[in-house]
Amino acid sequence: MMKIVTCNLPEPFISAMEKLISEYGLYPSRSELIRVAVREFLIRELKVLDKFEEYAEPNPEIDKAPKRMQNIDMRTIRNFHSIHTVKK
């Protein structure tokens, strides 16, 4: 199930997105481009945070907090939406 998220972006970002969609045909829509970008960002950030946690000093206050998304299988995020190139 997908949820709608509203995001304001600067005009140069929108122009660059349109170029990737219409000129290069790499994505079928803005929504798909954004889903791919967010997915790749989450994969990269979660990997960095997991590495950070290996070297972080124990903190009893933080350790009481609910664990972050450590049990997420990264393949689930990666495969949630595959990249489909649009042929011109």
PDB file of N, CA and C in Angstrom:
ATOM      1  N   MET A   1       0.844  -1.173   0.000  1.00  0.00           N
ATOM      2  CA  MET A   1       0.000   0.000   0.000  1.00  0.00           C
ATOM      3  C   MET A   1       0.895   1.245   0.000  1.00  0.00           C
ATOM      4  N   MET A   2       0.576   2.191  -0.819  1.00  0.00           N
ATOM      5  CA  MET A   2       1.345   3.432  -0.889  1.00  0.00           C
ATOM      6  C   MET A   2       0.543   4.554  -0.263  1.00  0.00           C
ATOM      7  N   LYS A   3       1.268   5.509   0.287  1.00  0.00           N
ATOM      8  CA  LYS A   3       0.662   6.701   0.875  1.00  0.00           C
ATOM      9  C   LYS A   3       1.160   7.917   0.113  1.00  0.00           C
ATOM     10  N   ILE A   4       0.346   8.941   0.084  1.00  0.00           N
ATOM     11  CA  ILE A   4       0.722  10.185  -0.582  1.00  0.00           C
ATOM     12  C   ILE A   4       1.556  11.033   0.368  1.00  0.00           C
ATOM     13  N   VAL A   5       2.666  11.552  -0.149  1.00  0.00           N
ATOM     14  CA  VAL A   5       3.536  12.457   0.594  1.00  0.00           C
ATOM     15  C   VAL A   5       3.719  13.698  -0.272  1.00  0.00           C
ATOM     16  N   THR A   6       3.452  14.856   0.294  1.00  0.00           N
ATOM     17  CA  THR A   6       3.607  16.101  -0.443  1.00  0.00           C
ATOM     18  C   THR A   6       4.963  16.701  -0.103  1.00  0.00           C
ATOM     19  N   CYS A   7       5.671  17.150  -1.125  1.00  0.00           N
ATOM     20  CA  CYS A   7       7.013  17.689  -0.930  1.00  0.00           C
ATOM     21  C   CYS A   7       7.206  18.879  -1.877  1.00  0.00           C
ATOM     22  N   ASN A   8       7.678  19.981  -1.353  1.00  0.00           N
ATOM     23  CA  ASN A   8       7.989  21.153  -2.176  1.00  0.00           C
ATOM     24  C   ASN A   8       9.453  21.080  -2.582  1.00  0.00           C
ATOM     25  N   LEU A   9       9.709  21.217  -3.873  1.00  0.00           N
ATOM     26  CA  LEU A   9      11.068  21.154  -4.391  1.00  0.00           C
ATOM     27  C   LEU A   9      11.387  22.417  -5.178  1.00  0.00           C
ATOM     28  N   PRO A  10      12.661  22.826  -5.181  1.00  0.00           N
ATOM     29  CA  PRO A  10      13.054  23.981  -5.994  1.00  0.00           C
ATOM     30  C   PRO A  10      12.867  23.690  -7.483  1.00  0.00           C
ATOM     31  N   GLU A  11      12.595  24.717  -8.235  1.00  0.00           N
ATOM     32  CA  GLU A  11      12.357  24.581  -9.675  1.00  0.00           C
ATOM     33  C   GLU A  11      13.492  23.866 -10.410  1.00  0.00           C
ATOM     34  N   PRO A  12      14.769  24.122 -10.085  1.00  0.00           N
ATOM     35  CA  PRO A  12      15.838  23.380 -10.793  1.00  0.00           C
ATOM     36  C   PRO A  12      15.738  21.861 -10.595  1.00  0.00           C
ATOM     37  N   PHE A  13      15.267  21.416  -9.436  1.00  0.00           N
ATOM     38  CA  PHE A  13      15.088  19.983  -9.203  1.00  0.00           C
ATOM     39  C   PHE A  13      14.012  19.438 -10.135  1.00  0.00           C
ATOM     40  N   ILE A  14      12.911  20.183 -10.243  1.00  0.00           N
ATOM     41  CA  ILE A  14      11.800  19.753 -11.092  1.00  0.00           C
ATOM     42  C   ILE A  14      12.258  19.693 -12.554  1.00  0.00           C
ATOM     43  N   SER A  15      13.008  20.701 -12.985  1.00  0.00           N
ATOM     44  CA  SER A  15      13.515  20.727 -14.367  1.00  0.00           C
ATOM     45  C   SER A  15      14.432  19.532 -14.636  1.00  0.00           C
ATOM     46  N   ALA A  16      15.296  19.228 -13.686  1.00  0.00           N
ATOM     47  CA  ALA A  16      16.203  18.092 -13.847  1.00  0.00           C
ATOM     48  C   ALA A  16      15.422  16.778 -13.895  1.00  0.00           C
ATOM     49  N   MET A  17      14.393  16.671 -13.061  1.00  0.00           N
ATOM     50  CA  MET A  17      13.555  15.477 -13.067  1.00  0.00           C
ATOM     51  C   MET A  17      12.864  15.321 -14.416  1.00  0.00           C
ATOM     52  N   GLU A  18      12.315  16.415 -14.939  1.00  0.00           N
ATOM     53  CA  GLU A  18      11.628  16.372 -16.233  1.00  0.00           C
ATOM     54  C   GLU A  18      12.586  15.958 -17.347  1.00  0.00           C
ATOM     55  N   LYS A  19      13.829  16.397 -17.254  1.00  0.00           N
ATOM     56  CA  LYS A  19      14.824  16.018 -18.259  1.00  0.00           C
ATOM     57  C   LYS A  19      15.079  14.509 -18.212  1.00  0.00           C
ATOM     58  N   LEU A  20      15.207  13.942 -17.013  1.00  0.00           N
ATOM     59  CA  LEU A  20      15.419  12.501 -16.870  1.00  0.00           C
ATOM     60  C   LEU A  20      14.221  11.701 -17.381  1.00  0.00           C
ATOM     61  N   ILE A  21      13.035  12.277 -17.226  1.00  0.00           N
ATOM     62  CA  ILE A  21      11.811  11.575 -17.631  1.00  0.00           C
ATOM     63  C   ILE A  21      11.569  11.710 -19.130  1.00  0.00           C
ATOM     64  N   SER A  22      11.487  12.944 -19.620  1.00  0.00           N
ATOM     65  CA  SER A  22      11.081  13.134 -21.018  1.00  0.00           C
ATOM     66  C   SER A  22      12.239  13.061 -22.009  1.00  0.00           C
ATOM     67  N   GLU A  23      13.371  13.654 -21.677  1.00  0.00           N
ATOM     68  CA  GLU A  23      14.472  13.671 -22.634  1.00  0.00           C
ATOM     69  C   GLU A  23      15.241  12.355 -22.660  1.00  0.00           C
ATOM     70  N   TYR A  24      15.571  11.838 -21.481  1.00  0.00           N
ATOM     71  CA  TYR A  24      16.356  10.603 -21.414  1.00  0.00           C
ATOM     72  C   TYR A  24      15.496   9.350 -21.288  1.00  0.00           C
ATOM     73  N   GLY A  25      14.248   9.508 -20.907  1.00  0.00           N
ATOM     74  CA  GLY A  25      13.356   8.356 -20.792  1.00  0.00           C
ATOM     75  C   GLY A  25      13.750   7.341 -19.742  1.00  0.00           C
ATOM     76  N   LEU A  26      14.406   7.797 -18.675  1.00  0.00           N
ATOM     77  CA  LEU A  26      14.877   6.867 -17.652  1.00  0.00           C
ATOM     78  C   LEU A  26      13.790   6.435 -16.669  1.00  0.00           C
ATOM     79  N   TYR A  27      12.772   7.248 -16.501  1.00  0.00           N
ATOM     80  CA  TYR A  27      11.693   6.952 -15.559  1.00  0.00           C
ATOM     81  C   TYR A  27      10.362   7.258 -16.224  1.00  0.00           C
ATOM     82  N   PRO A  28       9.335   6.507 -15.874  1.00  0.00           N
ATOM     83  CA  PRO A  28       8.034   6.745 -16.493  1.00  0.00           C
ATOM     84  C   PRO A  28       7.294   7.956 -15.915  1.00  0.00           C
ATOM     85  N   SER A  29       7.675   8.382 -14.698  1.00  0.00           N
ATOM     86  CA  SER A  29       6.957   9.486 -14.049  1.00  0.00           C
ATOM     87  C   SER A  29       7.803  10.093 -12.933  1.00  0.00           C
ATOM     88  N   ARG A  30       7.380  11.256 -12.472  1.00  0.00           N
ATOM     89  CA  ARG A  30       8.038  11.884 -11.317  1.00  0.00           C
ATOM     90  C   ARG A  30       7.931  10.993 -10.093  1.00  0.00           C
ATOM     91  N   SER A  31       6.758  10.407  -9.914  1.00  0.00           N
ATOM     92  CA  SER A  31       6.547   9.556  -8.733  1.00  0.00           C
ATOM     93  C   SER A  31       7.543   8.405  -8.696  1.00  0.00           C
ATOM     94  N   GLU A  32       7.740   7.752  -9.829  1.00  0.00           N
ATOM     95  CA  GLU A  32       8.679   6.629  -9.861  1.00  0.00           C
ATOM     96  C   GLU A  32      10.098   7.101  -9.631  1.00  0.00           C
ATOM     97  N   LEU A  33      10.474   8.235 -10.227  1.00  0.00           N
ATOM     98  CA  LEU A  33      11.809   8.791 -10.026  1.00  0.00           C
ATOM     99  C   LEU A  33      12.036   9.075  -8.536  1.00  0.00           C
ATOM    100  N   ILE A  34      11.063   9.686  -7.887  1.00  0.00           N
ATOM    101  CA  ILE A  34      11.193  10.017  -6.466  1.00  0.00           C
ATOM    102  C   ILE A  34      11.238   8.750  -5.615  1.00  0.00           C
ATOM    103  N   ARG A  35      10.413   7.741  -5.950  1.00  0.00           N
ATOM    104  CA  ARG A  35      10.448   6.483  -5.196  1.00  0.00           C
ATOM    105  C   ARG A  35      11.825   5.839  -5.279  1.00  0.00           C
ATOM    106  N   VAL A  36      12.409   5.821  -6.486  1.00  0.00           N
ATOM    107  CA  VAL A  36      13.737   5.242  -6.669  1.00  0.00           C
ATOM    108  C   VAL A  36      14.772   6.036  -5.865  1.00  0.00           C
ATOM    109  N   ALA A  37      14.708   7.360  -5.948  1.00  0.00           N
ATOM    110  CA  ALA A  37      15.671   8.204  -5.236  1.00  0.00           C
ATOM    111  C   ALA A  37      15.571   8.005  -3.718  1.00  0.00           C
ATOM    112  N   VAL A  38      14.368   7.968  -3.199  1.00  0.00           N
ATOM    113  CA  VAL A  38      14.178   7.776  -1.753  1.00  0.00           C
ATOM    114  C   VAL A  38      14.651   6.390  -1.336  1.00  0.00           C
ATOM    115  N   ARG A  39      14.316   5.374  -2.134  1.00  0.00           N
ATOM    116  CA  ARG A  39      14.743   4.008  -1.814  1.00  0.00           C
ATOM    117  C   ARG A  39      16.265   3.929  -1.744  1.00  0.00           C
ATOM    118  N   GLU A  40      16.949   4.477  -2.748  1.00  0.00           N
ATOM    119  CA  GLU A  40      18.414   4.440  -2.764  1.00  0.00           C
ATOM    120  C   GLU A  40      19.006   5.229  -1.598  1.00  0.00           C
ATOM    121  N   PHE A  41      18.389   6.356  -1.264  1.00  0.00           N
ATOM    122  CA  PHE A  41      18.832   7.146  -0.115  1.00  0.00           C
ATOM    123  C   PHE A  41      18.701   6.335   1.176  1.00  0.00           C
ATOM    124  N   LEU A  42      17.561   5.683   1.363  1.00  0.00           N
ATOM    125  CA  LEU A  42      17.338   4.893   2.574  1.00  0.00           C
ATOM    126  C   LEU A  42      18.325   3.737   2.685  1.00  0.00           C
ATOM    127  N   ILE A  43      18.578   3.067   1.579  1.00  0.00           N
ATOM    128  CA  ILE A  43      19.548   1.971   1.584  1.00  0.00           C
ATOM    129  C   ILE A  43      20.914   2.484   2.019  1.00  0.00           C
ATOM    130  N   ARG A  44      21.355   3.581   1.411  1.00  0.00           N
ATOM    131  CA  ARG A  44      22.674   4.141   1.727  1.00  0.00           C
ATOM    132  C   ARG A  44      22.747   4.611   3.182  1.00  0.00           C
ATOM    133  N   GLU A  45      21.748   5.337   3.636  1.00  0.00           N
ATOM    134  CA  GLU A  45      21.754   5.871   4.988  1.00  0.00           C
ATOM    135  C   GLU A  45      21.685   4.758   6.043  1.00  0.00           C
ATOM    136  N   LEU A  46      20.853   3.751   5.801  1.00  0.00           N
ATOM    137  CA  LEU A  46      20.754   2.664   6.765  1.00  0.00           C
ATOM    138  C   LEU A  46      22.065   1.899   6.864  1.00  0.00           C
ATOM    139  N   LYS A  47      22.747   1.725   5.752  1.00  0.00           N
ATOM    140  CA  LYS A  47      24.056   1.067   5.784  1.00  0.00           C
ATOM    141  C   LYS A  47      25.046   1.886   6.600  1.00  0.00           C
ATOM    142  N   VAL A  48      25.064   3.193   6.410  1.00  0.00           N
ATOM    143  CA  VAL A  48      25.966   4.070   7.157  1.00  0.00           C
ATOM    144  C   VAL A  48      25.635   4.018   8.643  1.00  0.00           C
ATOM    145  N   LEU A  49      24.348   4.108   8.974  1.00  0.00           N
ATOM    146  CA  LEU A  49      23.956   4.084  10.382  1.00  0.00           C
ATOM    147  C   LEU A  49      24.279   2.749  11.030  1.00  0.00           C
ATOM    148  N   ASP A  50      24.096   1.665  10.316  1.00  0.00           N
ATOM    149  CA  ASP A  50      24.437   0.358  10.872  1.00  0.00           C
ATOM    150  C   ASP A  50      25.928   0.274  11.153  1.00  0.00           C
ATOM    151  N   LYS A  51      26.756   0.816  10.262  1.00  0.00           N
ATOM    152  CA  LYS A  51      28.211   0.843  10.495  1.00  0.00           C
ATOM    153  C   LYS A  51      28.533   1.722  11.697  1.00  0.00           C
ATOM    154  N   PHE A  52      27.847   2.860  11.798  1.00  0.00           N
ATOM    155  CA  PHE A  52      28.082   3.768  12.917  1.00  0.00           C
ATOM    156  C   PHE A  52      27.783   3.066  14.236  1.00  0.00           C
ATOM    157  N   GLU A  53      26.702   2.310  14.276  1.00  0.00           N
ATOM    158  CA  GLU A  53      26.306   1.635  15.514  1.00  0.00           C
ATOM    159  C   GLU A  53      27.345   0.626  15.965  1.00  0.00           C
ATOM    160  N   GLU A  54      28.121   0.067  15.042  1.00  0.00           N
ATOM    161  CA  GLU A  54      29.174  -0.882  15.407  1.00  0.00           C
ATOM    162  C   GLU A  54      30.235  -0.215  16.287  1.00  0.00           C
ATOM    163  N   TYR A  55      30.474   1.082  16.086  1.00  0.00           N
ATOM    164  CA  TYR A  55      31.543   1.781  16.787  1.00  0.00           C
ATOM    165  C   TYR A  55      31.047   2.767  17.837  1.00  0.00           C
ATOM    166  N   ALA A  56      29.745   2.926  17.927  1.00  0.00           N
ATOM    167  CA  ALA A  56      29.184   3.896  18.873  1.00  0.00           C
ATOM    168  C   ALA A  56      29.375   3.414  20.309  1.00  0.00           C
ATOM    169  N   GLU A  57      29.563   4.380  21.191  1.00  0.00           N
ATOM    170  CA  GLU A  57      29.682   4.043  22.616  1.00  0.00           C
ATOM    171  C   GLU A  57      28.304   3.721  23.170  1.00  0.00           C
ATOM    172  N   PRO A  58      28.220   2.752  24.090  1.00  0.00           N
ATOM    173  CA  PRO A  58      26.925   2.419  24.685  1.00  0.00           C
ATOM    174  C   PRO A  58      26.359   3.613  25.452  1.00  0.00           C
ATOM    175  N   ASN A  59      25.077   3.838  25.314  1.00  0.00           N
ATOM    176  CA  ASN A  59      24.402   4.921  26.022  1.00  0.00           C
ATOM    177  C   ASN A  59      23.122   4.336  26.616  1.00  0.00           C
ATOM    178  N   PRO A  60      23.054   4.198  27.945  1.00  0.00           N
ATOM    179  CA  PRO A  60      21.892   3.559  28.568  1.00  0.00           C
ATOM    180  C   PRO A  60      20.571   4.236  28.228  1.00  0.00           C
ATOM    181  N   GLU A  61      20.563   5.554  28.043  1.00  0.00           N
ATOM    182  CA  GLU A  61      19.314   6.250  27.713  1.00  0.00           C
ATOM    183  C   GLU A  61      18.839   5.884  26.319  1.00  0.00           C
ATOM    184  N   ILE A  62      19.757   5.828  25.386  1.00  0.00           N
ATOM    185  CA  ILE A  62      19.400   5.493  24.012  1.00  0.00           C
ATOM    186  C   ILE A  62      19.038   4.007  23.915  1.00  0.00           C
ATOM    187  N   ASP A  63      19.758   3.158  24.651  1.00  0.00           N
ATOM    188  CA  ASP A  63      19.508   1.719  24.594  1.00  0.00           C
ATOM    189  C   ASP A  63      18.099   1.362  25.053  1.00  0.00           C
ATOM    190  N   LYS A  64      17.465   2.221  25.862  1.00  0.00           N
ATOM    191  CA  LYS A  64      16.101   1.972  26.314  1.00  0.00           C
ATOM    192  C   LYS A  64      15.078   2.257  25.210  1.00  0.00           C
ATOM    193  N   ALA A  65      15.459   3.083  24.261  1.00  0.00           N
ATOM    194  CA  ALA A  65      14.550   3.466  23.171  1.00  0.00           C
ATOM    195  C   ALA A  65      14.299   2.270  22.261  1.00  0.00           C
ATOM    196  N   PRO A  66      13.141   2.263  21.572  1.00  0.00           N
ATOM    197  CA  PRO A  66      12.865   1.154  20.644  1.00  0.00           C
ATOM    198  C   PRO A  66      13.933   1.080  19.567  1.00  0.00           C
ATOM    199  N   LYS A  67      14.272  -0.130  19.186  1.00  0.00           N
ATOM    200  CA  LYS A  67      15.286  -0.311  18.144  1.00  0.00           C
ATOM    201  C   LYS A  67      14.780   0.229  16.822  1.00  0.00           C
ATOM    202  N   ARG A  68      15.701   0.826  16.074  1.00  0.00           N
ATOM    203  CA  ARG A  68      15.400   1.367  14.765  1.00  0.00           C
ATOM    204  C   ARG A  68      15.100   0.229  13.812  1.00  0.00           C
ATOM    205  N   MET A  69      15.092   0.451  12.581  1.00  0.00           N
ATOM    206  CA  MET A  69      14.670  -0.525  11.584  1.00  0.00           C
ATOM    207  C   MET A  69      15.760  -1.553  11.304  1.00  0.00           C
ATOM    208  N   GLN A  70      16.395  -2.105  12.337  1.00  0.00           N
ATOM    209  CA  GLN A  70      17.507  -3.016  12.130  1.00  0.00           C
ATOM    210  C   GLN A  70      17.074  -4.338  11.512  1.00  0.00           C
ATOM    211  N   ASN A  71      15.849  -4.744  11.721  1.00  0.00           N
ATOM    212  CA  ASN A  71      15.406  -6.031  11.219  1.00  0.00           C
ATOM    213  C   ASN A  71      14.882  -5.979   9.786  1.00  0.00           C
ATOM    214  N   ILE A  72      14.932  -4.821   9.166  1.00  0.00           N
ATOM    215  CA  ILE A  72      14.460  -4.713   7.786  1.00  0.00           C
ATOM    216  C   ILE A  72      15.469  -5.380   6.862  1.00  0.00           C
ATOM    217  N   ASP A  73      14.979  -6.226   6.022  1.00  0.00           N
ATOM    218  CA  ASP A  73      15.819  -6.857   5.018  1.00  0.00           C
ATOM    219  C   ASP A  73      16.007  -5.842   3.892  1.00  0.00           C
ATOM    220  N   MET A  74      17.238  -5.448   3.612  1.00  0.00           N
ATOM    221  CA  MET A  74      17.495  -4.403   2.626  1.00  0.00           C
ATOM    222  C   MET A  74      16.982  -4.802   1.247  1.00  0.00           C
ATOM    223  N   ARG A  75      16.881  -6.114   0.971  1.00  0.00           N
ATOM    224  CA  ARG A  75      16.338  -6.532  -0.322  1.00  0.00           C
ATOM    225  C   ARG A  75      14.886  -6.109  -0.461  1.00  0.00           C
ATOM    226  N   THR A  76      14.164  -6.033   0.664  1.00  0.00           N
ATOM    227  CA  THR A  76      12.769  -5.603   0.623  1.00  0.00           C
ATOM    228  C   THR A  76      12.676  -4.175   0.116  1.00  0.00           C
ATOM    229  N   ILE A  77      13.521  -3.296   0.636  1.00  0.00           N
ATOM    230  CA  ILE A  77      13.521  -1.901   0.189  1.00  0.00           C
ATOM    231  C   ILE A  77      13.979  -1.831  -1.263  1.00  0.00           C
ATOM    232  N   ARG A  78      15.051  -2.534  -1.584  1.00  0.00           N
ATOM    233  CA  ARG A  78      15.617  -2.481  -2.924  1.00  0.00           C
ATOM    234  C   ARG A  78      14.642  -2.992  -3.974  1.00  0.00           C
ATOM    235  N   ASN A  79      13.870  -4.013  -3.627  1.00  0.00           N
ATOM    236  CA  ASN A  79      12.980  -4.638  -4.601  1.00  0.00           C
ATOM    237  C   ASN A  79      11.565  -4.083  -4.561  1.00  0.00           C
ATOM    238  N   PHE A  80      11.293  -3.133  -3.669  1.00  0.00           N
ATOM    239  CA  PHE A  80       9.938  -2.618  -3.523  1.00  0.00           C
ATOM    240  C   PHE A  80       9.410  -2.128  -4.865  1.00  0.00           C
ATOM    241  N   HIS A  81      10.224  -1.370  -5.544  1.00  0.00           N
ATOM    242  CA  HIS A  81       9.889  -0.950  -6.910  1.00  0.00           C
ATOM    243  C   HIS A  81      11.149  -1.088  -7.735  1.00  0.00           C
ATOM    244  N   SER A  82      11.076  -1.869  -8.760  1.00  0.00           N
ATOM    245  CA  SER A  82      12.247  -1.999  -9.614  1.00  0.00           C
ATOM    246  C   SER A  82      12.248  -0.839 -10.601  1.00  0.00           C
ATOM    247  N   ILE A  83      13.432  -0.527 -11.080  1.00  0.00           N
ATOM    248  CA  ILE A  83      13.559   0.570 -12.051  1.00  0.00           C
ATOM    249  C   ILE A  83      13.164   0.038 -13.421  1.00  0.00           C
ATOM    250  N   HIS A  84      12.226   0.720 -14.040  1.00  0.00           N
ATOM    251  CA  HIS A  84      11.788   0.362 -15.389  1.00  0.00           C
ATOM    252  C   HIS A  84      12.184   1.493 -16.318  1.00  0.00           C
ATOM    253  N   THR A  85      13.026   1.198 -17.250  1.00  0.00           N
ATOM    254  CA  THR A  85      13.384   2.242 -18.211  1.00  0.00           C
ATOM    255  C   THR A  85      12.304   2.316 -19.277  1.00  0.00           C
ATOM    256  N   VAL A  86      12.051   3.512 -19.688  1.00  0.00           N
ATOM    257  CA  VAL A  86      11.049   3.747 -20.729  1.00  0.00           C
ATOM    258  C   VAL A  86      11.778   3.925 -22.042  1.00  0.00           C
ATOM    259  N   LYS A  87      11.461   3.096 -22.991  1.00  0.00           N
ATOM    260  CA  LYS A  87      12.111   3.202 -24.300  1.00  0.00           C
ATOM    261  C   LYS A  87      11.407   4.235 -25.145  1.00  0.00           C
ATOM    262  N   LYS A  88      12.200   5.043 -25.819  1.00  0.00           N
ATOM    263  CA  LYS A  88      11.619   6.072 -26.705  1.00  0.00           C
ATOM    264  C   LYS A  88      11.339   5.487 -28.051  1.00  0.00           C
TER     265      LYS A  88
END
